[in-house]
Amino acid sequence: MPTRSPDVDAIIEATPDERGALLAKLRDVIHAADPEIVEVVKWRKPSSPLGAAVFEHDGIVCILIPLKGRVRVSFAAGASLPDPKKLFNAQLNGMSRAIDVPVGGKIDVAGLKALVRAAVKHRTGAKRKAAKPAPRKKAAR
């Protein structure tokens, strides 16, 4: 059973017009791609009191951000992910990449699931690499 946060429910319910429904659909696709993913809410501030819906699996996988007329799915390590379907269409500078899904736009469910799975693989692989001890150098005699 996916771990769903009541705080993310609150973000979806508080998002006006069709963007709330779009957030809910994107959330379902993310959970379908990785049943072990965990939702948290981060970055609460006066200009965004509800914060942002963050999906984690050994670190941040992606973030859902409601914007004017669209919802952004932002991948923290997007530049390191394969994107054979060319879904990334926003936030193209630096390490992150994003997909802006306009209200009324079509979601490429298979493509988004593939990106989520690639991001999870990237996160879990990075954690394994970090946990692996460095080889010891032999002291010169």
C-alpha atoms as a PDB file:
ATOM      1  CA  MET A   1       0.000   0.000   0.000  1.00  0.00           C
ATOM      2  CA  PRO A   2       1.463   3.380  -0.979  1.00  0.00           C
ATOM      3  CA  THR A   3       2.329   5.772   1.796  1.00  0.00           C
ATOM      4  CA  ARG A   4       0.092   8.782   1.270  1.00  0.00           C
ATOM      5  CA  SER A   5       0.326  11.915   3.329  1.00  0.00           C
ATOM      6  CA  PRO A   6      -2.713  13.791   4.626  1.00  0.00           C
ATOM      7  CA  ASP A   7      -0.655  16.947   4.014  1.00  0.00           C
ATOM      8  CA  VAL A   8      -0.504  16.097   0.287  1.00  0.00           C
ATOM      9  CA  ASP A   9      -4.269  15.467   0.392  1.00  0.00           C
ATOM     10  CA  ALA A  10      -4.597  19.020   1.775  1.00  0.00           C
ATOM     11  CA  ILE A  11      -2.514  20.454  -1.098  1.00  0.00           C
ATOM     12  CA  ILE A  12      -4.704  18.664  -3.651  1.00  0.00           C
ATOM     13  CA  GLU A  13      -7.938  19.785  -1.968  1.00  0.00           C
ATOM     14  CA  ALA A  14      -6.731  23.397  -1.676  1.00  0.00           C
ATOM     15  CA  THR A  15      -5.644  23.624  -5.329  1.00  0.00           C
ATOM     16  CA  PRO A  16      -8.368  25.337  -7.336  1.00  0.00           C
ATOM     17  CA  ASP A  17      -9.838  24.345 -10.704  1.00  0.00           C
ATOM     18  CA  GLU A  18      -8.679  21.267 -12.625  1.00  0.00           C
ATOM     19  CA  ARG A  19      -5.144  21.501 -11.269  1.00  0.00           C
ATOM     20  CA  GLY A  20      -6.245  19.685  -8.097  1.00  0.00           C
ATOM     21  CA  ALA A  21      -7.551  16.769 -10.166  1.00  0.00           C
ATOM     22  CA  LEU A  22      -4.354  16.840 -12.244  1.00  0.00           C
ATOM     23  CA  LEU A  23      -2.253  16.706  -9.064  1.00  0.00           C
ATOM     24  CA  ALA A  24      -4.257  13.671  -7.916  1.00  0.00           C
ATOM     25  CA  LYS A  25      -3.762  11.900 -11.271  1.00  0.00           C
ATOM     26  CA  LEU A  26      -0.016  12.575 -11.292  1.00  0.00           C
ATOM     27  CA  ARG A  27       0.216  11.360  -7.686  1.00  0.00           C
ATOM     28  CA  ASP A  28      -1.472   8.087  -8.682  1.00  0.00           C
ATOM     29  CA  VAL A  29       0.942   7.585 -11.600  1.00  0.00           C
ATOM     30  CA  ILE A  30       3.942   8.177  -9.320  1.00  0.00           C
ATOM     31  CA  HIS A  31       2.668   5.641  -6.782  1.00  0.00           C
ATOM     32  CA  ALA A  32       1.914   3.135  -9.557  1.00  0.00           C
ATOM     33  CA  ALA A  33       5.490   3.496 -10.810  1.00  0.00           C
ATOM     34  CA  ASP A  34       7.001   2.833  -7.374  1.00  0.00           C
ATOM     35  CA  PRO A  35       4.762   1.314  -4.682  1.00  0.00           C
ATOM     36  CA  GLU A  36       7.479   1.977  -2.062  1.00  0.00           C
ATOM     37  CA  ILE A  37       7.621   5.725  -2.686  1.00  0.00           C
ATOM     38  CA  VAL A  38       6.840   7.932   0.318  1.00  0.00           C
ATOM     39  CA  GLU A  39       5.125  11.314   0.269  1.00  0.00           C
ATOM     40  CA  VAL A  40       6.197  14.219   2.426  1.00  0.00           C
ATOM     41  CA  VAL A  41       5.534  17.934   2.353  1.00  0.00           C
ATOM     42  CA  LYS A  42       8.487  20.300   2.405  1.00  0.00           C
ATOM     43  CA  TRP A  43       9.291  23.959   1.979  1.00  0.00           C
ATOM     44  CA  ARG A  44       6.353  25.547   3.781  1.00  0.00           C
ATOM     45  CA  LYS A  45       6.687  29.325   3.792  1.00  0.00           C
ATOM     46  CA  PRO A  46       4.380  32.342   3.998  1.00  0.00           C
ATOM     47  CA  SER A  47       3.986  32.518   0.214  1.00  0.00           C
ATOM     48  CA  SER A  48       3.259  28.764   0.081  1.00  0.00           C
ATOM     49  CA  PRO A  49       1.804  27.751   3.458  1.00  0.00           C
ATOM     50  CA  LEU A  50       0.867  24.238   2.312  1.00  0.00           C
ATOM     51  CA  GLY A  51       4.371  23.553   0.966  1.00  0.00           C
ATOM     52  CA  ALA A  52       5.254  21.231  -1.893  1.00  0.00           C
ATOM     53  CA  ALA A  53       4.371  17.560  -2.378  1.00  0.00           C
ATOM     54  CA  VAL A  54       7.669  15.651  -2.404  1.00  0.00           C
ATOM     55  CA  PHE A  55       8.037  11.984  -3.330  1.00  0.00           C
ATOM     56  CA  GLU A  56      11.013  10.158  -1.838  1.00  0.00           C
ATOM     57  CA  HIS A  57      12.738   6.795  -2.131  1.00  0.00           C
ATOM     58  CA  ASP A  58      16.241   6.968  -0.626  1.00  0.00           C
ATOM     59  CA  GLY A  59      16.092  10.704  -1.320  1.00  0.00           C
ATOM     60  CA  ILE A  60      13.970  13.058  -3.399  1.00  0.00           C
ATOM     61  CA  VAL A  61      12.630  11.457  -6.569  1.00  0.00           C
ATOM     62  CA  CYS A  62      10.237  14.167  -7.739  1.00  0.00           C
ATOM     63  CA  ILE A  63       8.143  17.112  -6.629  1.00  0.00           C
ATOM     64  CA  LEU A  64       4.626  18.132  -7.685  1.00  0.00           C
ATOM     65  CA  ILE A  65       4.143  21.882  -7.969  1.00  0.00           C
ATOM     66  CA  PRO A  66       0.833  23.502  -8.955  1.00  0.00           C
ATOM     67  CA  LEU A  67       1.467  26.559 -11.126  1.00  0.00           C
ATOM     68  CA  LYS A  68      -0.809  28.886 -13.062  1.00  0.00           C
ATOM     69  CA  GLY A  69      -2.617  26.787 -15.687  1.00  0.00           C
ATOM     70  CA  ARG A  70      -0.411  23.736 -15.214  1.00  0.00           C
ATOM     71  CA  VAL A  71       1.222  21.303 -12.792  1.00  0.00           C
ATOM     72  CA  ARG A  72       4.982  20.788 -12.793  1.00  0.00           C
ATOM     73  CA  VAL A  73       6.595  17.429 -12.069  1.00  0.00           C
ATOM     74  CA  SER A  74      10.157  18.316 -11.138  1.00  0.00           C
ATOM     75  CA  PHE A  75      12.925  15.708 -10.955  1.00  0.00           C
ATOM     76  CA  ALA A  76      15.861  16.747  -8.770  1.00  0.00           C
ATOM     77  CA  ALA A  77      18.329  14.591 -10.718  1.00  0.00           C
ATOM     78  CA  GLY A  78      16.547  14.962 -14.059  1.00  0.00           C
ATOM     79  CA  ALA A  79      19.713  15.731 -16.027  1.00  0.00           C
ATOM     80  CA  SER A  80      21.011  12.276 -15.073  1.00  0.00           C
ATOM     81  CA  LEU A  81      17.897  10.445 -16.237  1.00  0.00           C
ATOM     82  CA  PRO A  82      17.181   8.960 -19.655  1.00  0.00           C
ATOM     83  CA  ASP A  83      14.282  10.701 -21.389  1.00  0.00           C
ATOM     84  CA  PRO A  84      13.661   8.710 -24.587  1.00  0.00           C
ATOM     85  CA  LYS A  85      10.122  10.091 -24.957  1.00  0.00           C
ATOM     86  CA  LYS A  86      11.395  13.690 -24.591  1.00  0.00           C
ATOM     87  CA  LEU A  87       8.952  14.510 -21.780  1.00  0.00           C
ATOM     88  CA  PHE A  88      11.146  17.109 -20.076  1.00  0.00           C
ATOM     89  CA  ASN A  89       9.922  20.498 -21.269  1.00  0.00           C
ATOM     90  CA  ALA A  90      10.799  22.858 -18.401  1.00  0.00           C
ATOM     91  CA  GLN A  91      13.556  23.705 -15.941  1.00  0.00           C
ATOM     92  CA  LEU A  92      16.160  22.498 -18.439  1.00  0.00           C
ATOM     93  CA  ASN A  93      19.237  24.210 -16.974  1.00  0.00           C
ATOM     94  CA  GLY A  94      21.288  22.685 -14.197  1.00  0.00           C
ATOM     95  CA  MET A  95      20.759  19.242 -12.668  1.00  0.00           C
ATOM     96  CA  SER A  96      16.978  19.294 -12.403  1.00  0.00           C
ATOM     97  CA  ARG A  97      14.482  18.738 -15.186  1.00  0.00           C
ATOM     98  CA  ALA A  98      10.720  19.089 -15.164  1.00  0.00           C
ATOM     99  CA  ILE A  99       7.571  18.252 -17.058  1.00  0.00           C
ATOM    100  CA  ASP A 100       4.917  20.955 -17.216  1.00  0.00           C
ATOM    101  CA  VAL A 101       1.514  19.329 -17.709  1.00  0.00           C
ATOM    102  CA  PRO A 102      -1.061  21.916 -18.781  1.00  0.00           C
ATOM    103  CA  VAL A 103      -4.621  21.777 -17.496  1.00  0.00           C
ATOM    104  CA  GLY A 104      -6.504  19.662 -20.028  1.00  0.00           C
ATOM    105  CA  GLY A 105      -3.226  18.241 -21.346  1.00  0.00           C
ATOM    106  CA  LYS A 106      -2.553  14.566 -21.812  1.00  0.00           C
ATOM    107  CA  ILE A 107      -0.315  12.707 -19.372  1.00  0.00           C
ATOM    108  CA  ASP A 108       2.092  10.213 -20.954  1.00  0.00           C
ATOM    109  CA  VAL A 109       1.523   7.656 -18.204  1.00  0.00           C
ATOM    110  CA  ALA A 110       4.041   5.109 -19.493  1.00  0.00           C
ATOM    111  CA  GLY A 111       6.704   7.770 -20.040  1.00  0.00           C
ATOM    112  CA  LEU A 112       6.166   9.333 -16.605  1.00  0.00           C
ATOM    113  CA  LYS A 113       6.303   5.922 -14.913  1.00  0.00           C
ATOM    114  CA  ALA A 114       9.572   5.193 -16.722  1.00  0.00           C
ATOM    115  CA  LEU A 115      11.060   8.491 -15.515  1.00  0.00           C
ATOM    116  CA  VAL A 116       9.953   7.850 -11.918  1.00  0.00           C
ATOM    117  CA  ARG A 117      11.478   4.361 -12.023  1.00  0.00           C
ATOM    118  CA  ALA A 118      14.709   5.730 -13.498  1.00  0.00           C
ATOM    119  CA  ALA A 119      14.842   8.399 -10.770  1.00  0.00           C
ATOM    120  CA  VAL A 120      14.306   5.765  -8.060  1.00  0.00           C
ATOM    121  CA  LYS A 121      17.049   3.617  -9.582  1.00  0.00           C
ATOM    122  CA  HIS A 122      19.331   6.659  -9.687  1.00  0.00           C
ATOM    123  CA  ARG A 123      18.602   7.482  -6.015  1.00  0.00           C
ATOM    124  CA  THR A 124      19.025   3.928  -4.731  1.00  0.00           C
ATOM    125  CA  GLY A 125      22.200   3.470  -6.809  1.00  0.00           C
ATOM    126  CA  ALA A 126      23.639   6.720  -5.436  1.00  0.00           C
ATOM    127  CA  LYS A 127      22.956   5.561  -1.904  1.00  0.00           C
ATOM    128  CA  ARG A 128      24.696   2.222  -2.520  1.00  0.00           C
ATOM    129  CA  LYS A 129      27.724   3.975  -4.004  1.00  0.00           C
ATOM    130  CA  ALA A 130      27.924   6.337  -1.030  1.00  0.00           C
ATOM    131  CA  ALA A 131      27.688   3.437   1.439  1.00  0.00           C
ATOM    132  CA  LYS A 132      30.472   1.466  -0.246  1.00  0.00           C
ATOM    133  CA  PRO A 133      33.770   2.108   1.559  1.00  0.00           C
ATOM    134  CA  ALA A 134      36.674   3.401  -0.458  1.00  0.00           C
ATOM    135  CA  PRO A 135      39.542   0.966  -1.007  1.00  0.00           C
ATOM    136  CA  ARG A 136      42.364   1.412   1.443  1.00  0.00           C
ATOM    137  CA  LYS A 137      45.724   2.493   0.183  1.00  0.00           C
ATOM    138  CA  LYS A 138      48.697   0.491   1.328  1.00  0.00           C
ATOM    139  CA  ALA A 139      51.247   2.441   3.284  1.00  0.00           C
ATOM    140  CA  ALA A 140      54.665   2.776   1.629  1.00  0.00           C
ATOM    141  CA  ARG A 141      57.465   1.081   3.540  1.00  0.00           C
END
